Amino acid sequence: MDNSISYIIIALMAIAIVALLLFFVGKGTGQNRLTPLAGLAFGFILAGILFGENRLLGYSLLGVGVILAVVDMFFRSKRK
């Protein structure tokens, strides 16, 4: 197995563990809920990591995910 593939697998496993912990531990607090826009950003970032072999596609997906996350942060700060 190539080193880059093993790094991608390790990163995806770490992200999945963090997502599961947030899902199960964060049930009690309604304040830290994941918004649909943040979930979409998370999905684009994961897709960018998965399609990292093709640099143009991978970086484009990562960029879209980061932009969506920033827009979500902006909307959340306006609501408070």
PDB file of N, CA and C in Angstrom:
ATOM      1  N   MET A   1       0.837  -1.164   0.000  1.00  0.00           N
ATOM      2  CA  MET A   1       0.000   0.000   0.000  1.00  0.00           C
ATOM      3  C   MET A   1       0.894   1.242   0.000  1.00  0.00           C
ATOM      4  N   ASP A   2       0.519   2.180  -0.794  1.00  0.00           N
ATOM      5  CA  ASP A   2       1.267   3.413  -0.918  1.00  0.00           C
ATOM      6  C   ASP A   2       1.124   4.251   0.365  1.00  0.00           C
ATOM      7  N   ASN A   3       2.148   5.031   0.690  1.00  0.00           N
ATOM      8  CA  ASN A   3       2.112   5.837   1.908  1.00  0.00           C
ATOM      9  C   ASN A   3       0.987   6.849   1.902  1.00  0.00           C
ATOM     10  N   SER A   4       0.722   7.481   0.770  1.00  0.00           N
ATOM     11  CA  SER A   4      -0.331   8.493   0.726  1.00  0.00           C
ATOM     12  C   SER A   4      -1.705   7.885   0.974  1.00  0.00           C
ATOM     13  N   ILE A   5      -1.928   6.685   0.483  1.00  0.00           N
ATOM     14  CA  ILE A   5      -3.214   6.027   0.713  1.00  0.00           C
ATOM     15  C   ILE A   5      -3.387   5.693   2.187  1.00  0.00           C
ATOM     16  N   SER A   6      -2.308   5.245   2.824  1.00  0.00           N
ATOM     17  CA  SER A   6      -2.421   4.932   4.247  1.00  0.00           C
ATOM     18  C   SER A   6      -2.669   6.198   5.069  1.00  0.00           C
ATOM     19  N   TYR A   7      -2.074   7.325   4.692  1.00  0.00           N
ATOM     20  CA  TYR A   7      -2.336   8.580   5.393  1.00  0.00           C
ATOM     21  C   TYR A   7      -3.788   9.020   5.210  1.00  0.00           C
ATOM     22  N   ILE A   8      -4.313   8.844   4.027  1.00  0.00           N
ATOM     23  CA  ILE A   8      -5.710   9.203   3.767  1.00  0.00           C
ATOM     24  C   ILE A   8      -6.642   8.329   4.597  1.00  0.00           C
ATOM     25  N   ILE A   9      -6.351   7.051   4.675  1.00  0.00           N
ATOM     26  CA  ILE A   9      -7.192   6.141   5.465  1.00  0.00           C
ATOM     27  C   ILE A   9      -7.141   6.513   6.938  1.00  0.00           C
ATOM     28  N   ILE A  10      -5.961   6.823   7.446  1.00  0.00           N
ATOM     29  CA  ILE A  10      -5.826   7.219   8.849  1.00  0.00           C
ATOM     30  C   ILE A  10      -6.581   8.521   9.117  1.00  0.00           C
ATOM     31  N   ALA A  11      -6.480   9.484   8.206  1.00  0.00           N
ATOM     32  CA  ALA A  11      -7.178  10.758   8.379  1.00  0.00           C
ATOM     33  C   ALA A  11      -8.693  10.559   8.356  1.00  0.00           C
ATOM     34  N   LEU A  12      -9.177   9.726   7.454  1.00  0.00           N
ATOM     35  CA  LEU A  12     -10.617   9.471   7.379  1.00  0.00           C
ATOM     36  C   LEU A  12     -11.120   8.755   8.625  1.00  0.00           C
ATOM     37  N   MET A  13     -10.328   7.833   9.146  1.00  0.00           N
ATOM     38  CA  MET A  13     -10.722   7.144  10.376  1.00  0.00           C
ATOM     39  C   MET A  13     -10.765   8.115  11.548  1.00  0.00           C
ATOM     40  N   ALA A  14      -9.802   9.023  11.624  1.00  0.00           N
ATOM     41  CA  ALA A  14      -9.792  10.010  12.700  1.00  0.00           C
ATOM     42  C   ALA A  14     -10.997  10.941  12.597  1.00  0.00           C
ATOM     43  N   ILE A  15     -11.323  11.376  11.388  1.00  0.00           N
ATOM     44  CA  ILE A  15     -12.488  12.245  11.197  1.00  0.00           C
ATOM     45  C   ILE A  15     -13.770  11.507  11.549  1.00  0.00           C
ATOM     46  N   ALA A  16     -13.860  10.232  11.183  1.00  0.00           N
ATOM     47  CA  ALA A  16     -15.055   9.445  11.504  1.00  0.00           C
ATOM     48  C   ALA A  16     -15.197   9.271  13.015  1.00  0.00           C
ATOM     49  N   ILE A  17     -14.099   9.062  13.712  1.00  0.00           N
ATOM     50  CA  ILE A  17     -14.154   8.912  15.174  1.00  0.00           C
ATOM     51  C   ILE A  17     -14.610  10.212  15.822  1.00  0.00           C
ATOM     52  N   VAL A  18     -14.076  11.327  15.364  1.00  0.00           N
ATOM     53  CA  VAL A  18     -14.489  12.623  15.906  1.00  0.00           C
ATOM     54  C   VAL A  18     -15.968  12.876  15.625  1.00  0.00           C
ATOM     55  N   ALA A  19     -16.428  12.557  14.430  1.00  0.00           N
ATOM     56  CA  ALA A  19     -17.843  12.746  14.090  1.00  0.00           C
ATOM     57  C   ALA A  19     -18.740  11.873  14.959  1.00  0.00           C
ATOM     58  N   LEU A  20     -18.339  10.629  15.199  1.00  0.00           N
ATOM     59  CA  LEU A  20     -19.126   9.750  16.060  1.00  0.00           C
ATOM     60  C   LEU A  20     -19.152  10.258  17.499  1.00  0.00           C
ATOM     61  N   LEU A  21     -18.015  10.726  17.989  1.00  0.00           N
ATOM     62  CA  LEU A  21     -17.980  11.278  19.345  1.00  0.00           C
ATOM     63  C   LEU A  21     -18.880  12.499  19.461  1.00  0.00           C
ATOM     64  N   LEU A  22     -18.836  13.375  18.482  1.00  0.00           N
ATOM     65  CA  LEU A  22     -19.700  14.549  18.505  1.00  0.00           C
ATOM     66  C   LEU A  22     -21.172  14.158  18.419  1.00  0.00           C
ATOM     67  N   PHE A  23     -21.455  13.120  17.658  1.00  0.00           N
ATOM     68  CA  PHE A  23     -22.838  12.684  17.494  1.00  0.00           C
ATOM     69  C   PHE A  23     -23.389  12.111  18.791  1.00  0.00           C
ATOM     70  N   PHE A  24     -22.605  11.273  19.480  1.00  0.00           N
ATOM     71  CA  PHE A  24     -23.101  10.619  20.684  1.00  0.00           C
ATOM     72  C   PHE A  24     -22.951  11.485  21.933  1.00  0.00           C
ATOM     73  N   VAL A  25     -21.875  12.208  22.071  1.00  0.00           N
ATOM     74  CA  VAL A  25     -21.649  13.014  23.264  1.00  0.00           C
ATOM     75  C   VAL A  25     -22.407  14.327  23.182  1.00  0.00           C
ATOM     76  N   GLY A  26     -22.529  14.902  22.024  1.00  0.00           N
ATOM     77  CA  GLY A  26     -23.165  16.205  21.863  1.00  0.00           C
ATOM     78  C   GLY A  26     -24.676  16.181  21.839  1.00  0.00           C
ATOM     79  N   LYS A  27     -25.314  15.065  22.151  1.00  0.00           N
ATOM     80  CA  LYS A  27     -26.775  14.974  22.113  1.00  0.00           C
ATOM     81  C   LYS A  27     -27.442  15.890  23.128  1.00  0.00           C
ATOM     82  N   GLY A  28     -26.844  16.069  24.282  1.00  0.00           N
ATOM     83  CA  GLY A  28     -27.475  16.833  25.351  1.00  0.00           C
ATOM     84  C   GLY A  28     -27.527  18.326  25.085  1.00  0.00           C
ATOM     85  N   THR A  29     -26.584  18.857  24.362  1.00  0.00           N
ATOM     86  CA  THR A  29     -26.542  20.298  24.149  1.00  0.00           C
ATOM     87  C   THR A  29     -27.082  20.632  22.770  1.00  0.00           C
ATOM     88  N   GLY A  30     -28.075  21.491  22.726  1.00  0.00           N
ATOM     89  CA  GLY A  30     -28.652  21.901  21.451  1.00  0.00           C
ATOM     90  C   GLY A  30     -27.844  22.994  20.784  1.00  0.00           C
ATOM     91  N   GLN A  31     -26.941  23.607  21.522  1.00  0.00           N
ATOM     92  CA  GLN A  31     -26.171  24.718  20.991  1.00  0.00           C
ATOM     93  C   GLN A  31     -25.142  24.273  19.962  1.00  0.00           C
ATOM     94  N   ASN A  32     -24.576  23.117  20.106  1.00  0.00           N
ATOM     95  CA  ASN A  32     -23.503  22.661  19.220  1.00  0.00           C
ATOM     96  C   ASN A  32     -23.996  21.749  18.107  1.00  0.00           C
ATOM     97  N   ARG A  33     -25.228  21.906  17.707  1.00  0.00           N
ATOM     98  CA  ARG A  33     -25.769  21.074  16.636  1.00  0.00           C
ATOM     99  C   ARG A  33     -25.135  21.446  15.305  1.00  0.00           C
ATOM    100  N   LEU A  34     -24.959  20.447  14.462  1.00  0.00           N
ATOM    101  CA  LEU A  34     -24.389  20.659  13.135  1.00  0.00           C
ATOM    102  C   LEU A  34     -25.489  21.152  12.203  1.00  0.00           C
ATOM    103  N   THR A  35     -25.278  22.307  11.597  1.00  0.00           N
ATOM    104  CA  THR A  35     -26.271  22.849  10.674  1.00  0.00           C
ATOM    105  C   THR A  35     -26.167  22.109   9.337  1.00  0.00           C
ATOM    106  N   PRO A  36     -27.215  22.154   8.530  1.00  0.00           N
ATOM    107  CA  PRO A  36     -27.143  21.497   7.223  1.00  0.00           C
ATOM    108  C   PRO A  36     -26.015  22.049   6.344  1.00  0.00           C
ATOM    109  N   LEU A  37     -25.765  23.343   6.430  1.00  0.00           N
ATOM    110  CA  LEU A  37     -24.690  23.938   5.639  1.00  0.00           C
ATOM    111  C   LEU A  37     -23.322  23.449   6.116  1.00  0.00           C
ATOM    112  N   ALA A  38     -23.157  23.305   7.426  1.00  0.00           N
ATOM    113  CA  ALA A  38     -21.902  22.779   7.965  1.00  0.00           C
ATOM    114  C   ALA A  38     -21.731  21.310   7.580  1.00  0.00           C
ATOM    115  N   GLY A  39     -22.820  20.558   7.568  1.00  0.00           N
ATOM    116  CA  GLY A  39     -22.751  19.164   7.138  1.00  0.00           C
ATOM    117  C   GLY A  39     -22.356  19.034   5.672  1.00  0.00           C
ATOM    118  N   LEU A  40     -22.884  19.924   4.865  1.00  0.00           N
ATOM    119  CA  LEU A  40     -22.526  19.942   3.451  1.00  0.00           C
ATOM    120  C   LEU A  40     -21.053  20.301   3.268  1.00  0.00           C
ATOM    121  N   ALA A  41     -20.575  21.272   4.054  1.00  0.00           N
ATOM    122  CA  ALA A  41     -19.163  21.650   4.000  1.00  0.00           C
ATOM    123  C   ALA A  41     -18.290  20.475   4.416  1.00  0.00           C
ATOM    124  N   PHE A  42     -18.694  19.766   5.459  1.00  0.00           N
ATOM    125  CA  PHE A  42     -17.964  18.587   5.923  1.00  0.00           C
ATOM    126  C   PHE A  42     -17.900  17.525   4.826  1.00  0.00           C
ATOM    127  N   GLY A  43     -19.009  17.332   4.130  1.00  0.00           N
ATOM    128  CA  GLY A  43     -19.040  16.362   3.033  1.00  0.00           C
ATOM    129  C   GLY A  43     -18.120  16.753   1.885  1.00  0.00           C
ATOM    130  N   PHE A  44     -18.095  18.026   1.536  1.00  0.00           N
ATOM    131  CA  PHE A  44     -17.196  18.482   0.469  1.00  0.00           C
ATOM    132  C   PHE A  44     -15.734  18.314   0.873  1.00  0.00           C
ATOM    133  N   ILE A  45     -15.414  18.580   2.118  1.00  0.00           N
ATOM    134  CA  ILE A  45     -14.033  18.418   2.568  1.00  0.00           C
ATOM    135  C   ILE A  45     -13.634  16.949   2.541  1.00  0.00           C
ATOM    136  N   LEU A  46     -14.534  16.065   2.976  1.00  0.00           N
ATOM    137  CA  LEU A  46     -14.240  14.628   2.893  1.00  0.00           C
ATOM    138  C   LEU A  46     -14.065  14.168   1.453  1.00  0.00           C
ATOM    139  N   ALA A  47     -14.916  14.671   0.570  1.00  0.00           N
ATOM    140  CA  ALA A  47     -14.792  14.315  -0.844  1.00  0.00           C
ATOM    141  C   ALA A  47     -13.480  14.836  -1.418  1.00  0.00           C
ATOM    142  N   GLY A  48     -13.062  16.024  -0.989  1.00  0.00           N
ATOM    143  CA  GLY A  48     -11.777  16.561  -1.443  1.00  0.00           C
ATOM    144  C   GLY A  48     -10.611  15.711  -0.988  1.00  0.00           C
ATOM    145  N   ILE A  49     -10.705  15.166   0.225  1.00  0.00           N
ATOM    146  CA  ILE A  49      -9.651  14.266   0.708  1.00  0.00           C
ATOM    147  C   ILE A  49      -9.669  12.967  -0.078  1.00  0.00           C
ATOM    148  N   LEU A  50     -10.863  12.450  -0.331  1.00  0.00           N
ATOM    149  CA  LEU A  50     -10.968  11.179  -1.060  1.00  0.00           C
ATOM    150  C   LEU A  50     -10.477  11.302  -2.497  1.00  0.00           C
ATOM    151  N   PHE A  51     -10.766  12.420  -3.153  1.00  0.00           N
ATOM    152  CA  PHE A  51     -10.358  12.616  -4.533  1.00  0.00           C
ATOM    153  C   PHE A  51      -9.061  13.410  -4.625  1.00  0.00           C
ATOM    154  N   GLY A  52      -8.199  13.262  -3.636  1.00  0.00           N
ATOM    155  CA  GLY A  52      -6.940  13.989  -3.587  1.00  0.00           C
ATOM    156  C   GLY A  52      -5.945  13.578  -4.655  1.00  0.00           C
ATOM    157  N   GLU A  53      -6.150  12.426  -5.249  1.00  0.00           N
ATOM    158  CA  GLU A  53      -5.248  11.972  -6.320  1.00  0.00           C
ATOM    159  C   GLU A  53      -5.293  12.928  -7.514  1.00  0.00           C
ATOM    160  N   ASN A  54      -6.487  13.365  -7.854  1.00  0.00           N
ATOM    161  CA  ASN A  54      -6.668  14.347  -8.914  1.00  0.00           C
ATOM    162  C   ASN A  54      -6.622  15.724  -8.257  1.00  0.00           C
ATOM    163  N   ARG A  55      -5.520  16.429  -8.408  1.00  0.00           N
ATOM    164  CA  ARG A  55      -5.312  17.670  -7.656  1.00  0.00           C
ATOM    165  C   ARG A  55      -6.368  18.725  -7.936  1.00  0.00           C
ATOM    166  N   LEU A  56      -6.742  18.903  -9.167  1.00  0.00           N
ATOM    167  CA  LEU A  56      -7.722  19.934  -9.505  1.00  0.00           C
ATOM    168  C   LEU A  56      -9.063  19.646  -8.834  1.00  0.00           C
ATOM    169  N   LEU A  57      -9.527  18.429  -8.937  1.00  0.00           N
ATOM    170  CA  LEU A  57     -10.805  18.058  -8.328  1.00  0.00           C
ATOM    171  C   LEU A  57     -10.717  18.086  -6.800  1.00  0.00           C
ATOM    172  N   GLY A  58      -9.655  17.536  -6.245  1.00  0.00           N
ATOM    173  CA  GLY A  58      -9.503  17.492  -4.797  1.00  0.00           C
ATOM    174  C   GLY A  58      -9.433  18.867  -4.170  1.00  0.00           C
ATOM    175  N   TYR A  59      -8.602  19.736  -4.726  1.00  0.00           N
ATOM    176  CA  TYR A  59      -8.477  21.087  -4.181  1.00  0.00           C
ATOM    177  C   TYR A  59      -9.750  21.903  -4.406  1.00  0.00           C
ATOM    178  N   SER A  60     -10.433  21.666  -5.504  1.00  0.00           N
ATOM    179  CA  SER A  60     -11.691  22.373  -5.748  1.00  0.00           C
ATOM    180  C   SER A  60     -12.738  21.988  -4.707  1.00  0.00           C
ATOM    181  N   LEU A  61     -12.842  20.693  -4.426  1.00  0.00           N
ATOM    182  CA  LEU A  61     -13.808  20.243  -3.425  1.00  0.00           C
ATOM    183  C   LEU A  61     -13.448  20.757  -2.034  1.00  0.00           C
ATOM    184  N   LEU A  62     -12.157  20.751  -1.709  1.00  0.00           N
ATOM    185  CA  LEU A  62     -11.723  21.287  -0.424  1.00  0.00           C
ATOM    186  C   LEU A  62     -12.045  22.786  -0.328  1.00  0.00           C
ATOM    187  N   GLY A  63     -11.810  23.508  -1.396  1.00  0.00           N
ATOM    188  CA  GLY A  63     -12.099  24.941  -1.411  1.00  0.00           C
ATOM    189  C   GLY A  63     -13.574  25.240  -1.225  1.00  0.00           C
ATOM    190  N   VAL A  64     -14.419  24.477  -1.899  1.00  0.00           N
ATOM    191  CA  VAL A  64     -15.863  24.664  -1.750  1.00  0.00           C
ATOM    192  C   VAL A  64     -16.278  24.364  -0.309  1.00  0.00           C
ATOM    193  N   GLY A  65     -15.708  23.317   0.267  1.00  0.00           N
ATOM    194  CA  GLY A  65     -16.025  22.981   1.656  1.00  0.00           C
ATOM    195  C   GLY A  65     -15.617  24.066   2.623  1.00  0.00           C
ATOM    196  N   VAL A  66     -14.443  24.637   2.435  1.00  0.00           N
ATOM    197  CA  VAL A  66     -13.978  25.710   3.321  1.00  0.00           C
ATOM    198  C   VAL A  66     -14.848  26.949   3.156  1.00  0.00           C
ATOM    199  N   ILE A  67     -15.200  27.280   1.929  1.00  0.00           N
ATOM    200  CA  ILE A  67     -16.058  28.452   1.694  1.00  0.00           C
ATOM    201  C   ILE A  67     -17.426  28.253   2.349  1.00  0.00           C
ATOM    202  N   LEU A  68     -17.997  27.066   2.227  1.00  0.00           N
ATOM    203  CA  LEU A  68     -19.291  26.793   2.866  1.00  0.00           C
ATOM    204  C   LEU A  68     -19.184  26.863   4.386  1.00  0.00           C
ATOM    205  N   ALA A  69     -18.072  26.392   4.941  1.00  0.00           N
ATOM    206  CA  ALA A  69     -17.881  26.461   6.388  1.00  0.00           C
ATOM    207  C   ALA A  69     -17.778  27.913   6.860  1.00  0.00           C
ATOM    208  N   VAL A  70     -17.086  28.745   6.104  1.00  0.00           N
ATOM    209  CA  VAL A  70     -16.960  30.164   6.469  1.00  0.00           C
ATOM    210  C   VAL A  70     -18.317  30.860   6.363  1.00  0.00           C
ATOM    211  N   VAL A  71     -19.085  30.540   5.329  1.00  0.00           N
ATOM    212  CA  VAL A  71     -20.422  31.125   5.183  1.00  0.00           C
ATOM    213  C   VAL A  71     -21.307  30.692   6.353  1.00  0.00           C
ATOM    214  N   ASP A  72     -21.210  29.437   6.755  1.00  0.00           N
ATOM    215  CA  ASP A  72     -21.985  28.945   7.886  1.00  0.00           C
ATOM    216  C   ASP A  72     -21.587  29.662   9.177  1.00  0.00           C
ATOM    217  N   MET A  73     -20.300  29.875   9.388  1.00  0.00           N
ATOM    218  CA  MET A  73     -19.844  30.613  10.573  1.00  0.00           C
ATOM    219  C   MET A  73     -20.379  32.043  10.548  1.00  0.00           C
ATOM    220  N   PHE A  74     -20.391  32.654   9.385  1.00  0.00           N
ATOM    221  CA  PHE A  74     -20.914  34.022   9.254  1.00  0.00           C
ATOM    222  C   PHE A  74     -22.397  34.068   9.613  1.00  0.00           C
ATOM    223  N   PHE A  75     -23.184  33.109   9.088  1.00  0.00           N
ATOM    224  CA  PHE A  75     -24.616  33.076   9.391  1.00  0.00           C
ATOM    225  C   PHE A  75     -24.863  32.792  10.860  1.00  0.00           C
ATOM    226  N   ARG A  76     -24.078  31.916  11.458  1.00  0.00           N
ATOM    227  CA  ARG A  76     -24.262  31.602  12.882  1.00  0.00           C
ATOM    228  C   ARG A  76     -23.910  32.795  13.765  1.00  0.00           C
ATOM    229  N   SER A  77     -22.918  33.574  13.373  1.00  0.00           N
ATOM    230  CA  SER A  77     -22.559  34.737  14.188  1.00  0.00           C
ATOM    231  C   SER A  77     -23.611  35.839  14.067  1.00  0.00           C
ATOM    232  N   LYS A  78     -24.282  35.911  12.944  1.00  0.00           N
ATOM    233  CA  LYS A  78     -25.352  36.908  12.756  1.00  0.00           C
ATOM    234  C   LYS A  78     -26.564  36.588  13.616  1.00  0.00           C
ATOM    235  N   ARG A  79     -26.848  35.277  13.831  1.00  0.00           N
ATOM    236  CA  ARG A  79     -28.017  34.874  14.602  1.00  0.00           C
ATOM    237  C   ARG A  79     -27.875  35.182  16.079  1.00  0.00           C
ATOM    238  N   LYS A  80     -26.677  35.207  16.601  1.00  0.00           N
ATOM    239  CA  LYS A  80     -26.488  35.421  18.048  1.00  0.00           C
ATOM    240  C   LYS A  80     -26.512  36.825  18.407  1.00  0.00           C
TER     241      LYS A  80
END
